[in-house]
Amino acid sequence: MDAAQQIDAMERALTRLGIVLLEEELPDEAHIDGGLCKVGGALVVYVSPTAPPWRRSEVLLNALRRLPHREVWLPPEIRRLLENDDFCDNPVRLIPSGSEEER
C-alpha cells in the first residue's frame, strides 16, 4: 500500500465516521497544517492543500485517534500506526516511500 492509498483509506474512514474533510489553507499565524475541530456542531478535519503527504497523514492519524475508529474498517498497517504512541517522532517512517533514498 503506497502513501496515496494509505491517505485515501484514512480519509474514507473519517468520512464513514461522519467527519467532514476540508482542504483549506489555514492562516500562517496558526502554524499548523490542519486538525480536527467542531464547526457549527459538525466535526471537521481541516488539511492544508500544501501540506506534504507525511504531514497530511499525521493530521489524519491524529484525527482518527480522537474518534471511535475501531468502529470502521482500516488496513492493518493504519491500525498499527494508530496504536503506536510515538508515530509523530519520525514522520518519514509514517508512510514509507518506494525508494530508500527518499526515507
C-alpha atoms as a PDB file:
ATOM      1  CA  MET A   1       0.000   0.000   0.000  1.00  0.00           C
ATOM      2  CA  ASP A   2       1.558   3.304  -1.058  1.00  0.00           C
ATOM      3  CA  ALA A   3       1.201   6.740   0.574  1.00  0.00           C
ATOM      4  CA  ALA A   4      -1.751   7.793  -1.591  1.00  0.00           C
ATOM      5  CA  GLN A   5      -3.638   4.584  -0.783  1.00  0.00           C
ATOM      6  CA  GLN A   6      -2.979   4.984   2.933  1.00  0.00           C
ATOM      7  CA  ILE A   7      -4.175   8.592   2.897  1.00  0.00           C
ATOM      8  CA  ASP A   8      -7.237   7.551   0.915  1.00  0.00           C
ATOM      9  CA  ALA A   9      -8.041   4.789   3.435  1.00  0.00           C
ATOM     10  CA  MET A  10      -7.826   7.242   6.340  1.00  0.00           C
ATOM     11  CA  GLU A  11      -9.963   9.825   4.523  1.00  0.00           C
ATOM     12  CA  ARG A  12     -12.620   7.194   3.732  1.00  0.00           C
ATOM     13  CA  ALA A  13     -12.653   6.055   7.374  1.00  0.00           C
ATOM     14  CA  LEU A  14     -13.119   9.619   8.594  1.00  0.00           C
ATOM     15  CA  THR A  15     -15.949  10.139   6.108  1.00  0.00           C
ATOM     16  CA  ARG A  16     -17.650   6.922   7.288  1.00  0.00           C
ATOM     17  CA  LEU A  17     -17.436   8.311  10.816  1.00  0.00           C
ATOM     18  CA  GLY A  18     -19.398  11.361   9.643  1.00  0.00           C
ATOM     19  CA  ILE A  19     -16.440  13.731   9.614  1.00  0.00           C
ATOM     20  CA  VAL A  20     -16.329  16.493   7.022  1.00  0.00           C
ATOM     21  CA  LEU A  21     -12.940  16.758   5.293  1.00  0.00           C
ATOM     22  CA  LEU A  22     -11.947  20.219   4.096  1.00  0.00           C
ATOM     23  CA  GLU A  23      -8.821  21.176   2.215  1.00  0.00           C
ATOM     24  CA  GLU A  24      -8.322  24.759   3.144  1.00  0.00           C
ATOM     25  CA  GLU A  25      -5.295  26.945   3.656  1.00  0.00           C
ATOM     26  CA  LEU A  26      -5.053  27.931   7.279  1.00  0.00           C
ATOM     27  CA  PRO A  27      -3.650  31.299   8.377  1.00  0.00           C
ATOM     28  CA  ASP A  28       0.151  31.416   8.680  1.00  0.00           C
ATOM     29  CA  GLU A  29      -0.099  32.538  12.285  1.00  0.00           C
ATOM     30  CA  ALA A  30      -1.834  29.240  13.132  1.00  0.00           C
ATOM     31  CA  HIS A  31       1.444  27.364  12.437  1.00  0.00           C
ATOM     32  CA  ILE A  32      -0.438  24.127  11.713  1.00  0.00           C
ATOM     33  CA  ASP A  33      -1.313  22.102   8.637  1.00  0.00           C
ATOM     34  CA  GLY A  34      -4.734  21.081   9.888  1.00  0.00           C
ATOM     35  CA  GLY A  35      -6.603  19.208  12.543  1.00  0.00           C
ATOM     36  CA  LEU A  36      -9.920  18.061  13.942  1.00  0.00           C
ATOM     37  CA  CYS A  37     -12.320  20.681  15.253  1.00  0.00           C
ATOM     38  CA  LYS A  38     -16.017  21.344  15.722  1.00  0.00           C
ATOM     39  CA  VAL A  39     -17.662  23.908  13.462  1.00  0.00           C
ATOM     40  CA  GLY A  40     -21.342  24.688  13.923  1.00  0.00           C
ATOM     41  CA  GLY A  41     -21.953  21.372  15.640  1.00  0.00           C
ATOM     42  CA  ALA A  42     -20.213  19.296  12.952  1.00  0.00           C
ATOM     43  CA  LEU A  43     -16.822  17.639  13.319  1.00  0.00           C
ATOM     44  CA  VAL A  44     -14.450  18.806  10.614  1.00  0.00           C
ATOM     45  CA  VAL A  45     -10.893  17.865   9.694  1.00  0.00           C
ATOM     46  CA  TYR A  46      -9.048  20.704   8.030  1.00  0.00           C
ATOM     47  CA  VAL A  47      -5.990  19.829   5.983  1.00  0.00           C
ATOM     48  CA  SER A  48      -3.811  22.339   4.197  1.00  0.00           C
ATOM     49  CA  PRO A  49      -3.720  21.618   0.447  1.00  0.00           C
ATOM     50  CA  THR A  50       0.011  22.435   0.503  1.00  0.00           C
ATOM     51  CA  ALA A  51       0.859  20.027   3.345  1.00  0.00           C
ATOM     52  CA  PRO A  52       3.332  17.317   2.312  1.00  0.00           C
ATOM     53  CA  PRO A  53       1.953  13.754   2.302  1.00  0.00           C
ATOM     54  CA  TRP A  54       3.658  12.816   5.607  1.00  0.00           C
ATOM     55  CA  ARG A  55       2.091  15.849   7.316  1.00  0.00           C
ATOM     56  CA  ARG A  56      -1.333  15.140   5.789  1.00  0.00           C
ATOM     57  CA  SER A  57      -1.041  11.601   7.164  1.00  0.00           C
ATOM     58  CA  GLU A  58      -0.126  12.945  10.575  1.00  0.00           C
ATOM     59  CA  VAL A  59      -3.209  15.218  10.618  1.00  0.00           C
ATOM     60  CA  LEU A  60      -5.499  12.364   9.548  1.00  0.00           C
ATOM     61  CA  LEU A  61      -3.972   9.924  12.059  1.00  0.00           C
ATOM     62  CA  ASN A  62      -4.344  12.446  14.882  1.00  0.00           C
ATOM     63  CA  ALA A  63      -7.996  12.936  13.966  1.00  0.00           C
ATOM     64  CA  LEU A  64      -8.666   9.187  13.817  1.00  0.00           C
ATOM     65  CA  ARG A  65      -7.008   8.688  17.199  1.00  0.00           C
ATOM     66  CA  ARG A  66      -9.503  11.087  18.781  1.00  0.00           C
ATOM     67  CA  LEU A  67     -12.518   9.315  17.288  1.00  0.00           C
ATOM     68  CA  PRO A  68     -14.102   5.867  17.709  1.00  0.00           C
ATOM     69  CA  HIS A  69     -12.019   4.456  14.834  1.00  0.00           C
ATOM     70  CA  ARG A  70     -12.461   0.858  15.951  1.00  0.00           C
ATOM     71  CA  GLU A  71     -15.972   1.026  14.506  1.00  0.00           C
ATOM     72  CA  VAL A  72     -14.730   1.348  10.912  1.00  0.00           C
ATOM     73  CA  TRP A  73     -12.533  -0.843   8.770  1.00  0.00           C
ATOM     74  CA  LEU A  74      -8.925   0.272   8.365  1.00  0.00           C
ATOM     75  CA  PRO A  75      -5.978  -1.557   6.817  1.00  0.00           C
ATOM     76  CA  PRO A  76      -3.813  -3.344   9.419  1.00  0.00           C
ATOM     77  CA  GLU A  77      -0.844  -1.031   8.783  1.00  0.00           C
ATOM     78  CA  ILE A  78      -3.001   2.013   9.615  1.00  0.00           C
ATOM     79  CA  ARG A  79      -4.256   0.263  12.769  1.00  0.00           C
ATOM     80  CA  ARG A  80      -0.634  -0.308  13.836  1.00  0.00           C
ATOM     81  CA  LEU A  81       0.151   3.392  13.334  1.00  0.00           C
ATOM     82  CA  LEU A  82      -2.910   4.378  15.375  1.00  0.00           C
ATOM     83  CA  GLU A  83      -1.755   2.166  18.245  1.00  0.00           C
ATOM     84  CA  ASN A  84       1.828   3.463  18.137  1.00  0.00           C
ATOM     85  CA  ASP A  85       2.300   6.271  20.660  1.00  0.00           C
ATOM     86  CA  ASP A  86       5.418   7.725  19.057  1.00  0.00           C
ATOM     87  CA  PHE A  87       4.416   7.937  15.388  1.00  0.00           C
ATOM     88  CA  CYS A  88       4.978  11.708  15.340  1.00  0.00           C
ATOM     89  CA  ASP A  89       8.608  11.383  16.407  1.00  0.00           C
ATOM     90  CA  ASN A  90       9.696  10.253  12.954  1.00  0.00           C
ATOM     91  CA  PRO A  91       7.296  11.428  10.238  1.00  0.00           C
ATOM     92  CA  VAL A  92       9.379   9.903   7.448  1.00  0.00           C
ATOM     93  CA  ARG A  93       8.531   6.398   8.651  1.00  0.00           C
ATOM     94  CA  LEU A  94       4.815   7.152   8.792  1.00  0.00           C
ATOM     95  CA  ILE A  95       4.263   6.191   5.207  1.00  0.00           C
ATOM     96  CA  PRO A  96       7.223   4.512   3.572  1.00  0.00           C
ATOM     97  CA  SER A  97       8.059   5.655   0.085  1.00  0.00           C
ATOM     98  CA  GLY A  98       9.074   3.414  -2.755  1.00  0.00           C
ATOM     99  CA  SER A  99      12.812   4.109  -2.566  1.00  0.00           C
ATOM    100  CA  GLU A 100      15.310   4.092   0.280  1.00  0.00           C
ATOM    101  CA  GLU A 101      16.788   7.414  -0.930  1.00  0.00           C
ATOM    102  CA  GLU A 102      13.589   9.291  -0.060  1.00  0.00           C
ATOM    103  CA  ARG A 103      13.454   7.954   3.520  1.00  0.00           C
END
